[in-house]
Amino acid sequence: MTTVLTVLLVIVCIALIVTVLLQSGKSAGLSGAISGGAEQLFGKQKARGIDLVLHRVTIVLSVLFFVLTIAIAYFA
């Protein structure tokens, strides 16, 4: 059980890192490469939609991270 939870935790950690790096910050960090192209193709409204989706995915992944961490601590 602990092994399965640990593998899931590693997958969630990697996904969380990727989604945080893809989000645009004040300087439009790494996501400028993706949303910048999306702005040219779809307009600024779609680029804001991408940031909103990334924000929601980050929230879900962070909650899942904490739940998995507590579950591993409980079963270990």
PDB file of N, CA and C in Angstrom:
ATOM      1  N   MET A   1       0.829  -1.197   0.000  1.00  0.00           N
ATOM      2  CA  MET A   1       0.000   0.000   0.000  1.00  0.00           C
ATOM      3  C   MET A   1       0.868   1.255   0.000  1.00  0.00           C
ATOM      4  N   THR A   2       1.915   1.233   0.810  1.00  0.00           N
ATOM      5  CA  THR A   2       2.799   2.392   0.886  1.00  0.00           C
ATOM      6  C   THR A   2       3.532   2.625  -0.427  1.00  0.00           C
ATOM      7  N   THR A   3       3.885   1.534  -1.104  1.00  0.00           N
ATOM      8  CA  THR A   3       4.591   1.666  -2.378  1.00  0.00           C
ATOM      9  C   THR A   3       3.700   2.315  -3.435  1.00  0.00           C
ATOM     10  N   VAL A   4       2.444   1.905  -3.478  1.00  0.00           N
ATOM     11  CA  VAL A   4       1.505   2.486  -4.452  1.00  0.00           C
ATOM     12  C   VAL A   4       1.303   3.966  -4.167  1.00  0.00           C
ATOM     13  N   LEU A   5       1.131   4.316  -2.895  1.00  0.00           N
ATOM     14  CA  LEU A   5       0.949   5.724  -2.537  1.00  0.00           C
ATOM     15  C   LEU A   5       2.191   6.552  -2.837  1.00  0.00           C
ATOM     16  N   THR A   6       3.361   5.963  -2.634  1.00  0.00           N
ATOM     17  CA  THR A   6       4.604   6.683  -2.927  1.00  0.00           C
ATOM     18  C   THR A   6       4.758   6.934  -4.419  1.00  0.00           C
ATOM     19  N   VAL A   7       4.424   5.948  -5.228  1.00  0.00           N
ATOM     20  CA  VAL A   7       4.493   6.132  -6.688  1.00  0.00           C
ATOM     21  C   VAL A   7       3.509   7.206  -7.132  1.00  0.00           C
ATOM     22  N   LEU A   8       2.288   7.183  -6.586  1.00  0.00           N
ATOM     23  CA  LEU A   8       1.312   8.225  -6.917  1.00  0.00           C
ATOM     24  C   LEU A   8       1.797   9.602  -6.472  1.00  0.00           C
ATOM     25  N   LEU A   9       2.448   9.663  -5.315  1.00  0.00           N
ATOM     26  CA  LEU A   9       2.969  10.937  -4.814  1.00  0.00           C
ATOM     27  C   LEU A   9       4.055  11.491  -5.734  1.00  0.00           C
ATOM     28  N   VAL A  10       4.922  10.625  -6.237  1.00  0.00           N
ATOM     29  CA  VAL A  10       5.969  11.079  -7.158  1.00  0.00           C
ATOM     30  C   VAL A  10       5.356  11.601  -8.450  1.00  0.00           C
ATOM     31  N   ILE A  11       4.339  10.922  -8.964  1.00  0.00           N
ATOM     32  CA  ILE A  11       3.671  11.374 -10.191  1.00  0.00           C
ATOM     33  C   ILE A  11       2.998  12.724  -9.966  1.00  0.00           C
ATOM     34  N   VAL A  12       2.328  12.872  -8.822  1.00  0.00           N
ATOM     35  CA  VAL A  12       1.663  14.146  -8.506  1.00  0.00           C
ATOM     36  C   VAL A  12       2.692  15.251  -8.339  1.00  0.00           C
ATOM     37  N   CYS A  13       3.829  14.948  -7.717  1.00  0.00           N
ATOM     38  CA  CYS A  13       4.884  15.955  -7.537  1.00  0.00           C
ATOM     39  C   CYS A  13       5.409  16.456  -8.877  1.00  0.00           C
ATOM     40  N   ILE A  14       5.664  15.542  -9.781  1.00  0.00           N
ATOM     41  CA  ILE A  14       6.166  15.936 -11.107  1.00  0.00           C
ATOM     42  C   ILE A  14       5.116  16.772 -11.850  1.00  0.00           C
ATOM     43  N   ALA A  15       3.858  16.353 -11.780  1.00  0.00           N
ATOM     44  CA  ALA A  15       2.792  17.112 -12.439  1.00  0.00           C
ATOM     45  C   ALA A  15       2.627  18.494 -11.821  1.00  0.00           C
ATOM     46  N   LEU A  16       2.769  18.576 -10.505  1.00  0.00           N
ATOM     47  CA  LEU A  16       2.656  19.866  -9.820  1.00  0.00           C
ATOM     48  C   LEU A  16       3.787  20.804 -10.209  1.00  0.00           C
ATOM     49  N   ILE A  17       4.987  20.290 -10.310  1.00  0.00           N
ATOM     50  CA  ILE A  17       6.129  21.106 -10.727  1.00  0.00           C
ATOM     51  C   ILE A  17       5.909  21.639 -12.140  1.00  0.00           C
ATOM     52  N   VAL A  18       5.432  20.776 -13.027  1.00  0.00           N
ATOM     53  CA  VAL A  18       5.220  21.187 -14.422  1.00  0.00           C
ATOM     54  C   VAL A  18       4.143  22.261 -14.506  1.00  0.00           C
ATOM     55  N   THR A  19       3.031  22.088 -13.787  1.00  0.00           N
ATOM     56  CA  THR A  19       1.966  23.086 -13.873  1.00  0.00           C
ATOM     57  C   THR A  19       2.373  24.420 -13.257  1.00  0.00           C
ATOM     58  N   VAL A  20       3.167  24.388 -12.206  1.00  0.00           N
ATOM     59  CA  VAL A  20       3.633  25.650 -11.612  1.00  0.00           C
ATOM     60  C   VAL A  20       4.572  26.367 -12.577  1.00  0.00           C
ATOM     61  N   LEU A  21       5.437  25.619 -13.239  1.00  0.00           N
ATOM     62  CA  LEU A  21       6.362  26.250 -14.188  1.00  0.00           C
ATOM     63  C   LEU A  21       5.646  26.794 -15.418  1.00  0.00           C
ATOM     64  N   LEU A  22       4.529  26.202 -15.794  1.00  0.00           N
ATOM     65  CA  LEU A  22       3.810  26.669 -16.975  1.00  0.00           C
ATOM     66  C   LEU A  22       2.969  27.909 -16.711  1.00  0.00           C
ATOM     67  N   GLN A  23       2.697  28.210 -15.462  1.00  0.00           N
ATOM     68  CA  GLN A  23       1.880  29.381 -15.153  1.00  0.00           C
ATOM     69  C   GLN A  23       2.652  30.662 -15.426  1.00  0.00           C
ATOM     70  N   SER A  24       1.925  31.665 -15.866  1.00  0.00           N
ATOM     71  CA  SER A  24       2.581  32.944 -16.114  1.00  0.00           C
ATOM     72  C   SER A  24       2.620  33.741 -14.822  1.00  0.00           C
ATOM     73  N   GLY A  25       3.755  34.344 -14.585  1.00  0.00           N
ATOM     74  CA  GLY A  25       3.902  35.193 -13.415  1.00  0.00           C
ATOM     75  C   GLY A  25       3.858  36.642 -13.845  1.00  0.00           C
ATOM     76  N   LYS A  26       4.422  37.508 -13.018  1.00  0.00           N
ATOM     77  CA  LYS A  26       4.448  38.926 -13.362  1.00  0.00           C
ATOM     78  C   LYS A  26       5.330  39.181 -14.577  1.00  0.00           C
ATOM     79  N   SER A  27       6.335  38.345 -14.756  1.00  0.00           N
ATOM     80  CA  SER A  27       7.215  38.534 -15.907  1.00  0.00           C
ATOM     81  C   SER A  27       6.887  37.576 -17.045  1.00  0.00           C
ATOM     82  N   ALA A  28       5.750  36.861 -16.942  1.00  0.00           N
ATOM     83  CA  ALA A  28       5.296  35.908 -17.962  1.00  0.00           C
ATOM     84  C   ALA A  28       6.354  34.855 -18.232  1.00  0.00           C
ATOM     85  N   GLY A  29       6.868  34.235 -17.176  1.00  0.00           N
ATOM     86  CA  GLY A  29       7.942  33.247 -17.196  1.00  0.00           C
ATOM     87  C   GLY A  29       7.915  32.234 -18.318  1.00  0.00           C
ATOM     88  N   LEU A  30       7.940  30.978 -17.981  1.00  0.00           N
ATOM     89  CA  LEU A  30       8.039  29.905 -18.955  1.00  0.00           C
ATOM     90  C   LEU A  30       6.769  29.765 -19.783  1.00  0.00           C
ATOM     91  N   SER A  31       5.624  30.139 -19.227  1.00  0.00           N
ATOM     92  CA  SER A  31       4.379  29.986 -19.969  1.00  0.00           C
ATOM     93  C   SER A  31       4.249  31.005 -21.097  1.00  0.00           C
ATOM     94  N   GLY A  32       5.129  31.985 -21.157  1.00  0.00           N
ATOM     95  CA  GLY A  32       5.091  32.942 -22.256  1.00  0.00           C
ATOM     96  C   GLY A  32       5.306  32.273 -23.597  1.00  0.00           C
ATOM     97  N   ALA A  33       6.060  31.186 -23.608  1.00  0.00           N
ATOM     98  CA  ALA A  33       6.281  30.454 -24.850  1.00  0.00           C
ATOM     99  C   ALA A  33       4.995  29.795 -25.326  1.00  0.00           C
ATOM    100  N   ILE A  34       4.184  29.322 -24.395  1.00  0.00           N
ATOM    101  CA  ILE A  34       2.943  28.648 -24.774  1.00  0.00           C
ATOM    102  C   ILE A  34       1.813  29.652 -24.949  1.00  0.00           C
ATOM    103  N   SER A  35       1.579  30.477 -23.931  1.00  0.00           N
ATOM    104  CA  SER A  35       0.454  31.401 -24.019  1.00  0.00           C
ATOM    105  C   SER A  35       0.725  32.532 -25.003  1.00  0.00           C
ATOM    106  N   GLY A  36       1.982  32.848 -25.237  1.00  0.00           N
ATOM    107  CA  GLY A  36       2.293  33.868 -26.237  1.00  0.00           C
ATOM    108  C   GLY A  36       1.859  33.427 -27.621  1.00  0.00           C
ATOM    109  N   GLY A  37       2.107  32.169 -27.940  1.00  0.00           N
ATOM    110  CA  GLY A  37       1.636  31.619 -29.205  1.00  0.00           C
ATOM    111  C   GLY A  37       0.126  31.514 -29.242  1.00  0.00           C
ATOM    112  N   ALA A  38      -0.477  31.198 -28.096  1.00  0.00           N
ATOM    113  CA  ALA A  38      -1.934  31.098 -28.034  1.00  0.00           C
ATOM    114  C   ALA A  38      -2.585  32.467 -28.203  1.00  0.00           C
ATOM    115  N   GLU A  39      -1.930  33.498 -27.677  1.00  0.00           N
ATOM    116  CA  GLU A  39      -2.475  34.846 -27.847  1.00  0.00           C
ATOM    117  C   GLU A  39      -2.521  35.236 -29.311  1.00  0.00           C
ATOM    118  N   GLN A  40      -1.485  34.880 -30.061  1.00  0.00           N
ATOM    119  CA  GLN A  40      -1.447  35.238 -31.465  1.00  0.00           C
ATOM    120  C   GLN A  40      -2.497  34.470 -32.265  1.00  0.00           C
ATOM    121  N   LEU A  41      -2.724  33.213 -31.902  1.00  0.00           N
ATOM    122  CA  LEU A  41      -3.683  32.400 -32.642  1.00  0.00           C
ATOM    123  C   LEU A  41      -5.120  32.654 -32.221  1.00  0.00           C
ATOM    124  N   PHE A  42      -5.365  32.732 -30.920  1.00  0.00           N
ATOM    125  CA  PHE A  42      -6.736  32.781 -30.425  1.00  0.00           C
ATOM    126  C   PHE A  42      -7.122  34.098 -29.775  1.00  0.00           C
ATOM    127  N   GLY A  43      -6.216  34.990 -29.610  1.00  0.00           N
ATOM    128  CA  GLY A  43      -6.503  36.238 -28.920  1.00  0.00           C
ATOM    129  C   GLY A  43      -6.186  36.120 -27.439  1.00  0.00           C
ATOM    130  N   LYS A  44      -6.241  37.237 -26.730  1.00  0.00           N
ATOM    131  CA  LYS A  44      -5.854  37.249 -25.320  1.00  0.00           C
ATOM    132  C   LYS A  44      -6.851  36.515 -24.439  1.00  0.00           C
ATOM    133  N   GLN A  45      -8.096  36.411 -24.840  1.00  0.00           N
ATOM    134  CA  GLN A  45      -9.107  35.754 -24.014  1.00  0.00           C
ATOM    135  C   GLN A  45      -8.771  34.284 -23.785  1.00  0.00           C
ATOM    136  N   LYS A  46      -8.303  33.593 -24.812  1.00  0.00           N
ATOM    137  CA  LYS A  46      -7.944  32.179 -24.675  1.00  0.00           C
ATOM    138  C   LYS A  46      -6.704  32.018 -23.809  1.00  0.00           C
ATOM    139  N   ALA A  47      -5.764  32.941 -23.899  1.00  0.00           N
ATOM    140  CA  ALA A  47      -4.554  32.855 -23.081  1.00  0.00           C
ATOM    141  C   ALA A  47      -4.908  32.988 -21.604  1.00  0.00           C
ATOM    142  N   ARG A  48      -5.855  33.859 -21.284  1.00  0.00           N
ATOM    143  CA  ARG A  48      -6.306  33.970 -19.895  1.00  0.00           C
ATOM    144  C   ARG A  48      -7.016  32.705 -19.463  1.00  0.00           C
ATOM    145  N   GLY A  49      -7.721  32.074 -20.384  1.00  0.00           N
ATOM    146  CA  GLY A  49      -8.388  30.813 -20.084  1.00  0.00           C
ATOM    147  C   GLY A  49      -7.395  29.717 -19.772  1.00  0.00           C
ATOM    148  N   ILE A  50      -6.283  29.702 -20.485  1.00  0.00           N
ATOM    149  CA  ILE A  50      -5.238  28.721 -20.218  1.00  0.00           C
ATOM    150  C   ILE A  50      -4.652  28.937 -18.825  1.00  0.00           C
ATOM    151  N   ASP A  51      -4.423  30.183 -18.448  1.00  0.00           N
ATOM    152  CA  ASP A  51      -3.901  30.478 -17.110  1.00  0.00           C
ATOM    153  C   ASP A  51      -4.901  30.070 -16.029  1.00  0.00           C
ATOM    154  N   LEU A  52      -6.189  30.252 -16.293  1.00  0.00           N
ATOM    155  CA  LEU A  52      -7.213  29.858 -15.329  1.00  0.00           C
ATOM    156  C   LEU A  52      -7.243  28.343 -15.161  1.00  0.00           C
ATOM    157  N   VAL A  53      -7.140  27.612 -16.257  1.00  0.00           N
ATOM    158  CA  VAL A  53      -7.117  26.150 -16.186  1.00  0.00           C
ATOM    159  C   VAL A  53      -5.874  25.679 -15.438  1.00  0.00           C
ATOM    160  N   LEU A  54      -4.718  26.278 -15.724  1.00  0.00           N
ATOM    161  CA  LEU A  54      -3.500  25.903 -15.025  1.00  0.00           C
ATOM    162  C   LEU A  54      -3.602  26.203 -13.528  1.00  0.00           C
ATOM    163  N   HIS A  55      -4.255  27.296 -13.178  1.00  0.00           N
ATOM    164  CA  HIS A  55      -4.434  27.649 -11.776  1.00  0.00           C
ATOM    165  C   HIS A  55      -5.298  26.605 -11.062  1.00  0.00           C
ATOM    166  N   ARG A  56      -6.388  26.189 -11.707  1.00  0.00           N
ATOM    167  CA  ARG A  56      -7.270  25.187 -11.105  1.00  0.00           C
ATOM    168  C   ARG A  56      -6.594  23.829 -11.004  1.00  0.00           C
ATOM    169  N   VAL A  57      -5.823  23.457 -12.015  1.00  0.00           N
ATOM    170  CA  VAL A  57      -5.096  22.186 -11.969  1.00  0.00           C
ATOM    171  C   VAL A  57      -4.064  22.210 -10.845  1.00  0.00           C
ATOM    172  N   THR A  58      -3.425  23.351 -10.637  1.00  0.00           N
ATOM    173  CA  THR A  58      -2.453  23.479  -9.551  1.00  0.00           C
ATOM    174  C   THR A  58      -3.120  23.299  -8.194  1.00  0.00           C
ATOM    175  N   ILE A  59      -4.293  23.845  -8.018  1.00  0.00           N
ATOM    176  CA  ILE A  59      -5.021  23.688  -6.751  1.00  0.00           C
ATOM    177  C   ILE A  59      -5.377  22.227  -6.512  1.00  0.00           C
ATOM    178  N   VAL A  60      -5.893  21.569  -7.542  1.00  0.00           N
ATOM    179  CA  VAL A  60      -6.270  20.161  -7.397  1.00  0.00           C
ATOM    180  C   VAL A  60      -5.043  19.302  -7.087  1.00  0.00           C
ATOM    181  N   LEU A  61      -3.948  19.532  -7.782  1.00  0.00           N
ATOM    182  CA  LEU A  61      -2.736  18.745  -7.557  1.00  0.00           C
ATOM    183  C   LEU A  61      -2.144  19.002  -6.177  1.00  0.00           C
ATOM    184  N   SER A  62      -2.221  20.240  -5.695  1.00  0.00           N
ATOM    185  CA  SER A  62      -1.674  20.523  -4.367  1.00  0.00           C
ATOM    186  C   SER A  62      -2.512  19.863  -3.274  1.00  0.00           C
ATOM    187  N   VAL A  63      -3.830  19.851  -3.427  1.00  0.00           N
ATOM    188  CA  VAL A  63      -4.684  19.152  -2.456  1.00  0.00           C
ATOM    189  C   VAL A  63      -4.398  17.657  -2.489  1.00  0.00           C
ATOM    190  N   LEU A  64      -4.256  17.104  -3.682  1.00  0.00           N
ATOM    191  CA  LEU A  64      -3.921  15.689  -3.823  1.00  0.00           C
ATOM    192  C   LEU A  64      -2.561  15.374  -3.214  1.00  0.00           C
ATOM    193  N   PHE A  65      -1.609  16.284  -3.363  1.00  0.00           N
ATOM    194  CA  PHE A  65      -0.288  16.119  -2.760  1.00  0.00           C
ATOM    195  C   PHE A  65      -0.384  16.001  -1.240  1.00  0.00           C
ATOM    196  N   PHE A  66      -1.144  16.890  -0.613  1.00  0.00           N
ATOM    197  CA  PHE A  66      -1.270  16.858   0.832  1.00  0.00           C
ATOM    198  C   PHE A  66      -2.021  15.618   1.309  1.00  0.00           C
ATOM    199  N   VAL A  67      -3.053  15.220   0.587  1.00  0.00           N
ATOM    200  CA  VAL A  67      -3.802  14.027   0.972  1.00  0.00           C
ATOM    201  C   VAL A  67      -2.920  12.784   0.874  1.00  0.00           C
ATOM    202  N   LEU A  68      -2.159  12.668  -0.202  1.00  0.00           N
ATOM    203  CA  LEU A  68      -1.263  11.520  -0.352  1.00  0.00           C
ATOM    204  C   LEU A  68      -0.157  11.520   0.704  1.00  0.00           C
ATOM    205  N   THR A  69       0.360  12.689   1.025  1.00  0.00           N
ATOM    206  CA  THR A  69       1.403  12.773   2.045  1.00  0.00           C
ATOM    207  C   THR A  69       0.877  12.348   3.418  1.00  0.00           C
ATOM    208  N   ILE A  70      -0.317  12.785   3.767  1.00  0.00           N
ATOM    209  CA  ILE A  70      -0.913  12.387   5.041  1.00  0.00           C
ATOM    210  C   ILE A  70      -1.226  10.897   5.037  1.00  0.00           C
ATOM    211  N   ALA A  71      -1.697  10.371   3.913  1.00  0.00           N
ATOM    212  CA  ALA A  71      -1.999   8.941   3.823  1.00  0.00           C
ATOM    213  C   ALA A  71      -0.727   8.091   3.982  1.00  0.00           C
ATOM    214  N   ILE A  72       0.366   8.533   3.373  1.00  0.00           N
ATOM    215  CA  ILE A  72       1.626   7.795   3.523  1.00  0.00           C
ATOM    216  C   ILE A  72       2.097   7.834   4.978  1.00  0.00           C
ATOM    217  N   ALA A  73       1.973   8.976   5.617  1.00  0.00           N
ATOM    218  CA  ALA A  73       2.370   9.089   7.018  1.00  0.00           C
ATOM    219  C   ALA A  73       1.486   8.211   7.918  1.00  0.00           C
ATOM    220  N   TYR A  74       0.216   8.110   7.583  1.00  0.00           N
ATOM    221  CA  TYR A  74      -0.700   7.310   8.385  1.00  0.00           C
ATOM    222  C   TYR A  74      -0.413   5.811   8.243  1.00  0.00           C
ATOM    223  N   PHE A  75      -0.174   5.348   7.017  1.00  0.00           N
ATOM    224  CA  PHE A  75       0.051   3.925   6.775  1.00  0.00           C
ATOM    225  C   PHE A  75       1.476   3.467   7.068  1.00  0.00           C
ATOM    226  N   ALA A  76       2.397   4.379   7.183  1.00  0.00           N
ATOM    227  CA  ALA A  76       3.797   3.987   7.403  1.00  0.00           C
ATOM    228  C   ALA A  76       4.118   3.677   8.829  1.00  0.00           C
TER     229      ALA A  76
END
